[in-house]
C-alpha atoms as a PDB file:
ATOM      1  CA  MET A   1      60.293  34.508 148.620  1.00  0.00           C
ATOM      2  CA  MET A   2      63.070  32.259 147.296  1.00  0.00           C
ATOM      3  CA  HIS A   3      65.277  30.638 149.949  1.00  0.00           C
ATOM      4  CA  GLY A   4      69.035  30.143 149.910  1.00  0.00           C
ATOM      5  CA  LEU A   5      71.159  27.077 149.243  1.00  0.00           C
ATOM      6  CA  GLY A   6      70.339  24.127 151.508  1.00  0.00           C
ATOM      7  CA  ASP A   7      67.260  25.797 152.964  1.00  0.00           C
ATOM      8  CA  THR A   8      63.556  25.384 152.165  1.00  0.00           C
ATOM      9  CA  GLY A   9      60.657  27.767 151.731  1.00  0.00           C
ATOM     10  CA  ALA A  10      59.606  27.036 155.322  1.00  0.00           C
ATOM     11  CA  GLY A  11      62.767  28.764 156.509  1.00  0.00           C
ATOM     12  CA  TRP A  12      61.302  32.147 155.565  1.00  0.00           C
ATOM     13  CA  VAL A  13      57.644  31.666 156.478  1.00  0.00           C
ATOM     14  CA  ASN A  14      58.236  33.639 159.674  1.00  0.00           C
ATOM     15  CA  LEU A  15      58.633  36.742 157.502  1.00  0.00           C
ATOM     16  CA  ALA A  16      54.981  36.541 156.450  1.00  0.00           C
ATOM     17  CA  GLU A  17      53.889  35.511 159.950  1.00  0.00           C
ATOM     18  CA  ASN A  18      55.549  38.640 161.336  1.00  0.00           C
ATOM     19  CA  PHE A  19      53.664  40.802 158.827  1.00  0.00           C
ATOM     20  CA  ARG A  20      50.388  39.037 159.581  1.00  0.00           C
ATOM     21  CA  ARG A  21      50.721  39.494 163.345  1.00  0.00           C
ATOM     22  CA  ARG A  22      51.052  43.236 162.788  1.00  0.00           C
ATOM     23  CA  ARG A  23      48.267  43.310 160.163  1.00  0.00           C
ATOM     24  CA  LYS A  24      50.623  44.268 157.357  1.00  0.00           C
ATOM     25  CA  PHE A  25      50.028  43.376 153.702  1.00  0.00           C
ATOM     26  CA  GLU A  26      46.692  41.735 154.459  1.00  0.00           C
ATOM     27  CA  GLU A  27      45.798  41.732 150.763  1.00  0.00           C
ATOM     28  CA  VAL A  28      49.045  40.016 149.778  1.00  0.00           C
ATOM     29  CA  ALA A  29      49.518  36.262 149.319  1.00  0.00           C
ATOM     30  CA  PHE A  30      53.054  35.165 150.198  1.00  0.00           C
ATOM     31  CA  VAL A  31      54.529  32.217 148.279  1.00  0.00           C
ATOM     32  CA  PHE A  32      57.565  30.288 149.565  1.00  0.00           C
ATOM     33  CA  PRO A  33      58.646  27.802 146.879  1.00  0.00           C
ATOM     34  CA  ASN A  34      61.096  24.958 147.436  1.00  0.00           C
ATOM     35  CA  ALA A  35      64.115  24.541 145.191  1.00  0.00           C
ATOM     36  CA  PRO A  36      64.770  21.082 143.726  1.00  0.00           C
ATOM     37  CA  THR A  37      67.243  18.800 145.497  1.00  0.00           C
ATOM     38  CA  ILE A  38      70.351  18.666 143.302  1.00  0.00           C
ATOM     39  CA  PRO A  39      74.049  17.740 143.691  1.00  0.00           C
ATOM     40  CA  ILE A  40      76.099  20.792 144.758  1.00  0.00           C
ATOM     41  CA  THR A  41      79.709  20.733 143.589  1.00  0.00           C
ATOM     42  CA  ILE A  42      81.145  22.980 146.339  1.00  0.00           C
ATOM     43  CA  ASN A  43      79.674  20.587 148.927  1.00  0.00           C
ATOM     44  CA  GLY A  44      81.428  17.560 147.486  1.00  0.00           C
ATOM     45  CA  GLY A  45      78.520  16.695 145.224  1.00  0.00           C
ATOM     46  CA  MET A  46      76.148  16.175 148.147  1.00  0.00           C
ATOM     47  CA  SER A  47      72.516  16.727 147.180  1.00  0.00           C
ATOM     48  CA  MET A  48      70.573  19.537 148.816  1.00  0.00           C
ATOM     49  CA  PRO A  49      67.914  22.103 147.878  1.00  0.00           C
ATOM     50  CA  GLY A  50      69.411  24.521 145.364  1.00  0.00           C
ATOM     51  CA  TRP A  51      68.163  26.751 142.577  1.00  0.00           C
ATOM     52  CA  TYR A  52      71.336  25.902 140.634  1.00  0.00           C
ATOM     53  CA  ASP A  53      74.712  24.260 141.222  1.00  0.00           C
ATOM     54  CA  ILE A  54      77.673  26.291 142.505  1.00  0.00           C
ATOM     55  CA  LYS A  55      80.940  24.890 141.189  1.00  0.00           C
ATOM     56  CA  SER A  56      83.382  27.218 142.955  1.00  0.00           C
ATOM     57  CA  PHE A  57      83.312  29.854 145.689  1.00  0.00           C
ATOM     58  CA  GLY A  58      85.585  32.151 143.709  1.00  0.00           C
ATOM     59  CA  ASP A  59      84.241  35.515 142.556  1.00  0.00           C
ATOM     60  CA  LEU A  60      80.601  34.567 141.958  1.00  0.00           C
ATOM     61  CA  ALA A  61      79.897  38.029 140.548  1.00  0.00           C
ATOM     62  CA  ALA A  62      82.654  37.951 137.927  1.00  0.00           C
ATOM     63  CA  LYS A  63      81.798  38.023 134.226  1.00  0.00           C
ATOM     64  CA  GLU A  64      83.527  34.657 133.857  1.00  0.00           C
ATOM     65  CA  VAL A  65      83.062  32.649 137.059  1.00  0.00           C
ATOM     66  CA  GLU A  66      85.842  30.223 137.956  1.00  0.00           C
ATOM     67  CA  GLY A  67      84.675  26.736 137.019  1.00  0.00           C
ATOM     68  CA  GLY A  68      81.746  28.160 135.083  1.00  0.00           C
ATOM     69  CA  GLU A  69      78.150  28.773 136.052  1.00  0.00           C
ATOM     70  CA  ASP A  70      75.404  26.170 135.996  1.00  0.00           C
ATOM     71  CA  GLU A  71      73.571  27.854 133.139  1.00  0.00           C
ATOM     72  CA  VAL A  72      71.264  24.866 132.606  1.00  0.00           C
ATOM     73  CA  GLY A  73      70.190  24.938 136.256  1.00  0.00           C
ATOM     74  CA  ILE A  74      69.876  28.718 136.296  1.00  0.00           C
ATOM     75  CA  VAL A  75      67.642  28.740 133.216  1.00  0.00           C
ATOM     76  CA  ARG A  76      65.576  25.864 134.629  1.00  0.00           C
ATOM     77  CA  SER A  77      64.881  27.870 137.782  1.00  0.00           C
ATOM     78  CA  GLN A  78      64.250  31.026 135.751  1.00  0.00           C
ATOM     79  CA  GLN A  79      61.589  29.167 133.756  1.00  0.00           C
ATOM     80  CA  TYR A  80      60.081  27.829 136.992  1.00  0.00           C
ATOM     81  CA  LEU A  81      59.798  31.322 138.466  1.00  0.00           C
ATOM     82  CA  HIS A  82      58.252  32.603 135.235  1.00  0.00           C
ATOM     83  CA  SER A  83      55.707  29.772 135.503  1.00  0.00           C
ATOM     84  CA  LEU A  84      54.882  30.916 139.057  1.00  0.00           C
ATOM     85  CA  ILE A  85      54.311  34.445 137.776  1.00  0.00           C
ATOM     86  CA  ARG A  86      51.928  33.077 135.137  1.00  0.00           C
ATOM     87  CA  ALA A  87      50.142  30.936 137.723  1.00  0.00           C
ATOM     88  CA  GLU A  88      49.622  33.851 140.113  1.00  0.00           C
ATOM     89  CA  GLY A  89      48.679  36.263 137.341  1.00  0.00           C
ATOM     90  CA  VAL A  90      46.670  34.314 134.800  1.00  0.00           C
ATOM     91  CA  GLU A  91      45.189  31.576 136.983  1.00  0.00           C
ATOM     92  CA  LYS A  92      44.507  33.687 140.092  1.00  0.00           C
ATOM     93  CA  GLY A  93      43.746  36.926 138.307  1.00  0.00           C
ATOM     94  CA  ILE A  94      46.436  38.966 140.077  1.00  0.00           C
ATOM     95  CA  SER A  95      47.781  41.913 138.100  1.00  0.00           C
ATOM     96  CA  SER A  96      51.446  41.303 137.329  1.00  0.00           C
ATOM     97  CA  ASN A  97      52.378  44.717 138.723  1.00  0.00           C
ATOM     98  CA  ARG A  98      51.209  43.412 142.116  1.00  0.00           C
ATOM     99  CA  ILE A  99      53.657  40.488 141.916  1.00  0.00           C
ATOM    100  CA  VAL A 100      57.064  40.830 143.587  1.00  0.00           C
ATOM    101  CA  LEU A 101      59.962  38.388 143.164  1.00  0.00           C
ATOM    102  CA  GLY A 102      62.587  38.208 145.859  1.00  0.00           C
ATOM    103  CA  GLY A 103      64.827  36.019 147.909  1.00  0.00           C
ATOM    104  CA  PHE A 104      67.910  35.468 150.026  1.00  0.00           C
ATOM    105  CA  SER A 105      71.374  34.505 148.714  1.00  0.00           C
ATOM    106  CA  GLN A 106      70.843  32.049 145.827  1.00  0.00           C
ATOM    107  CA  GLY A 107      67.148  32.842 145.989  1.00  0.00           C
ATOM    108  CA  GLY A 108      67.804  36.548 145.573  1.00  0.00           C
ATOM    109  CA  SER A 109      70.198  35.964 142.705  1.00  0.00           C
ATOM    110  CA  ILE A 110      67.698  33.872 140.757  1.00  0.00           C
ATOM    111  CA  SER A 111      65.009  36.466 141.565  1.00  0.00           C
ATOM    112  CA  ILE A 112      67.087  39.252 140.001  1.00  0.00           C
ATOM    113  CA  LEU A 113      67.696  37.266 136.830  1.00  0.00           C
ATOM    114  CA  SER A 114      64.118  36.003 136.577  1.00  0.00           C
ATOM    115  CA  GLY A 115      62.647  39.415 137.353  1.00  0.00           C
ATOM    116  CA  LEU A 116      64.716  41.314 134.808  1.00  0.00           C
ATOM    117  CA  THR A 117      63.940  38.738 132.134  1.00  0.00           C
ATOM    118  CA  SER A 118      60.230  38.450 132.935  1.00  0.00           C
ATOM    119  CA  PRO A 119      58.045  39.064 129.870  1.00  0.00           C
ATOM    120  CA  VAL A 120      55.502  40.899 132.051  1.00  0.00           C
ATOM    121  CA  GLN A 121      55.915  43.949 134.252  1.00  0.00           C
ATOM    122  CA  LEU A 122      56.367  43.137 137.927  1.00  0.00           C
ATOM    123  CA  GLY A 123      55.706  45.263 140.982  1.00  0.00           C
ATOM    124  CA  GLY A 124      59.216  44.803 142.343  1.00  0.00           C
ATOM    125  CA  ILE A 125      62.329  42.658 142.711  1.00  0.00           C
ATOM    126  CA  PHE A 126      64.356  42.250 145.904  1.00  0.00           C
ATOM    127  CA  ALA A 127      67.534  40.411 146.752  1.00  0.00           C
ATOM    128  CA  LEU A 128      69.186  39.986 150.157  1.00  0.00           C
ATOM    129  CA  SER A 129      72.870  38.943 150.266  1.00  0.00           C
ATOM    130  CA  SER A 130      72.846  38.156 146.557  1.00  0.00           C
ATOM    131  CA  TYR A 131      74.787  38.659 143.340  1.00  0.00           C
ATOM    132  CA  LEU A 132      74.273  38.803 139.585  1.00  0.00           C
ATOM    133  CA  LEU A 133      74.026  35.563 137.613  1.00  0.00           C
ATOM    134  CA  LEU A 134      75.187  35.178 134.001  1.00  0.00           C
ATOM    135  CA  ARG A 135      76.691  38.666 134.086  1.00  0.00           C
ATOM    136  CA  GLY A 136      78.026  38.324 130.556  1.00  0.00           C
ATOM    137  CA  LYS A 137      74.697  37.184 129.095  1.00  0.00           C
ATOM    138  CA  ILE A 138      71.857  38.615 131.149  1.00  0.00           C
ATOM    139  CA  ARG A 139      71.278  41.725 129.046  1.00  0.00           C
ATOM    140  CA  ASP A 140      70.829  39.531 125.976  1.00  0.00           C
ATOM    141  CA  MET A 141      68.215  37.520 127.892  1.00  0.00           C
ATOM    142  CA  VAL A 142      66.013  40.558 128.587  1.00  0.00           C
ATOM    143  CA  PRO A 143      62.939  40.683 126.286  1.00  0.00           C
ATOM    144  CA  THR A 144      63.030  43.372 123.603  1.00  0.00           C
ATOM    145  CA  GLU A 145      60.214  45.323 125.260  1.00  0.00           C
ATOM    146  CA  ASN A 146      62.140  45.267 128.594  1.00  0.00           C
ATOM    147  CA  SER A 147      58.946  45.244 130.655  1.00  0.00           C
ATOM    148  CA  ASN A 148      60.849  45.722 133.921  1.00  0.00           C
ATOM    149  CA  LYS A 149      63.098  48.611 132.936  1.00  0.00           C
ATOM    150  CA  GLU A 150      61.395  50.818 135.559  1.00  0.00           C
ATOM    151  CA  THR A 151      60.662  48.118 138.137  1.00  0.00           C
ATOM    152  CA  PRO A 152      62.133  49.138 141.524  1.00  0.00           C
ATOM    153  CA  ILE A 153      64.829  46.773 142.804  1.00  0.00           C
ATOM    154  CA  PHE A 154      65.768  46.540 146.496  1.00  0.00           C
ATOM    155  CA  MET A 155      69.098  44.991 147.483  1.00  0.00           C
ATOM    156  CA  GLY A 156      70.452  44.554 151.009  1.00  0.00           C
ATOM    157  CA  HIS A 157      73.872  43.182 151.971  1.00  0.00           C
ATOM    158  CA  GLY A 158      75.924  42.844 155.137  1.00  0.00           C
ATOM    159  CA  ASP A 159      79.441  44.224 154.892  1.00  0.00           C
ATOM    160  CA  ALA A 160      80.791  41.302 156.954  1.00  0.00           C
ATOM    161  CA  ASP A 161      79.365  38.552 154.719  1.00  0.00           C
ATOM    162  CA  PRO A 162      82.026  35.801 154.433  1.00  0.00           C
ATOM    163  CA  LEU A 163      80.149  33.730 151.834  1.00  0.00           C
ATOM    164  CA  VAL A 164      78.517  36.051 149.323  1.00  0.00           C
ATOM    165  CA  LYS A 165      80.983  38.890 149.546  1.00  0.00           C
ATOM    166  CA  TYR A 166      79.676  42.397 150.136  1.00  0.00           C
ATOM    167  CA  GLU A 167      81.680  43.579 147.125  1.00  0.00           C
ATOM    168  CA  TRP A 168      79.761  41.173 144.876  1.00  0.00           C
ATOM    169  CA  GLY A 169      76.424  42.599 145.950  1.00  0.00           C
ATOM    170  CA  LYS A 170      77.629  46.177 145.607  1.00  0.00           C
ATOM    171  CA  MET A 171      79.091  45.472 142.160  1.00  0.00           C
ATOM    172  CA  THR A 172      75.802  43.889 141.106  1.00  0.00           C
ATOM    173  CA  ALA A 173      73.873  47.003 142.121  1.00  0.00           C
ATOM    174  CA  GLU A 174      76.376  49.276 140.361  1.00  0.00           C
ATOM    175  CA  ASN A 175      76.222  47.240 137.156  1.00  0.00           C
ATOM    176  CA  LEU A 176      72.427  47.209 137.132  1.00  0.00           C
ATOM    177  CA  LYS A 177      72.360  50.973 137.649  1.00  0.00           C
ATOM    178  CA  GLU A 178      74.855  51.477 134.811  1.00  0.00           C
ATOM    179  CA  TRP A 179      72.620  49.385 132.574  1.00  0.00           C
ATOM    180  CA  GLY A 180      69.612  51.558 133.385  1.00  0.00           C
ATOM    181  CA  TRP A 181      67.773  49.719 136.163  1.00  0.00           C
ATOM    182  CA  ASN A 182      66.407  51.362 139.293  1.00  0.00           C
ATOM    183  CA  VAL A 183      68.279  49.895 142.287  1.00  0.00           C
ATOM    184  CA  ASP A 184      68.183  50.841 145.975  1.00  0.00           C
ATOM    185  CA  PHE A 185      71.241  49.174 147.563  1.00  0.00           C
ATOM    186  CA  ARG A 186      71.467  49.173 151.369  1.00  0.00           C
ATOM    187  CA  THR A 187      74.522  48.280 153.469  1.00  0.00           C
ATOM    188  CA  TYR A 188      74.204  46.643 156.902  1.00  0.00           C
ATOM    189  CA  HIS A 189      77.293  47.051 159.047  1.00  0.00           C
ATOM    190  CA  ASN A 190      78.813  44.012 160.763  1.00  0.00           C
ATOM    191  CA  LEU A 191      76.139  41.739 159.301  1.00  0.00           C
ATOM    192  CA  ALA A 192      77.355  38.335 158.090  1.00  0.00           C
ATOM    193  CA  HIS A 193      75.493  36.046 155.664  1.00  0.00           C
ATOM    194  CA  SER A 194      72.113  36.644 157.224  1.00  0.00           C
ATOM    195  CA  ALA A 195      69.347  39.212 157.577  1.00  0.00           C
ATOM    196  CA  ASN A 196      68.866  41.491 160.563  1.00  0.00           C
ATOM    197  CA  PRO A 197      65.862  43.438 161.907  1.00  0.00           C
ATOM    198  CA  GLN A 198      66.902  46.690 160.214  1.00  0.00           C
ATOM    199  CA  GLU A 199      67.127  44.983 156.835  1.00  0.00           C
ATOM    200  CA  ILE A 200      63.697  43.402 157.306  1.00  0.00           C
ATOM    201  CA  ASP A 201      62.298  46.800 158.318  1.00  0.00           C
ATOM    202  CA  ASP A 202      63.778  48.348 155.165  1.00  0.00           C
ATOM    203  CA  LEU A 203      62.310  45.525 153.094  1.00  0.00           C
ATOM    204  CA  GLU A 204      58.918  46.147 154.693  1.00  0.00           C
ATOM    205  CA  THR A 205      59.121  49.858 153.814  1.00  0.00           C
ATOM    206  CA  TYR A 206      59.988  48.943 150.233  1.00  0.00           C
ATOM    207  CA  LEU A 207      57.094  46.494 149.976  1.00  0.00           C
ATOM    208  CA  ALA A 208      54.652  49.015 151.457  1.00  0.00           C
ATOM    209  CA  ARG A 209      55.657  51.504 148.781  1.00  0.00           C
ATOM    210  CA  ILE A 210      55.251  49.168 145.826  1.00  0.00           C
ATOM    211  CA  LEU A 211      52.215  47.247 147.163  1.00  0.00           C
ATOM    212  CA  PRO A 212      49.822  49.902 148.448  1.00  0.00           C
ATOM    213  CA  PRO A 213      46.398  48.771 149.728  1.00  0.00           C
ATOM    214  CA  ILE A 214      43.820  48.140 147.017  1.00  0.00           C
ATOM    215  CA  ASP A 215      40.989  50.656 147.224  1.00  0.00           C
ATOM    216  CA  GLY A 216      37.531  49.240 147.687  1.00  0.00           C
END
């Protein structure tokens, strides 16, 4: 689970703790990585945890983002997430189709990009209050075999989000569907830039579907 800008992995640990208390996903290992601390342009250059720099809070989902996107930082984080997939799969012996990438805000955005461009098939990709990175380039970054063409994608977004606009999330889902990906986009009324219990319940239902118990 990839956190948002300025947060840390610890900020989402309660998600796994909630599942554990109710004996959900007992065969699943949850990983909460920390983004590197980098200068963030929109915050006056102040350093904070971020998967990539954000240079402007214009239309982050546009094909050409005002001020440009931090492609170097985005690709660096993409490579890091791909290394985590290799570590969980190769080193721990977990089948890649039991690995799910997901996150909130920035973390969800980098999960979409990293999931779609993963060289191995994943079990799922989810993004909460997120948007599409490198819109004009992402399809060229997908491996020829497109291992995740059929991978189910869950997106949730509040329609009162003042930071990552609801329209950006909806447009992302529509674009991905047009390009052939399988996206379930859910709207949460009066929800700002956050997650609410209904969204977490919907995420749980999604995870239960793509990560069924292992027989034996």
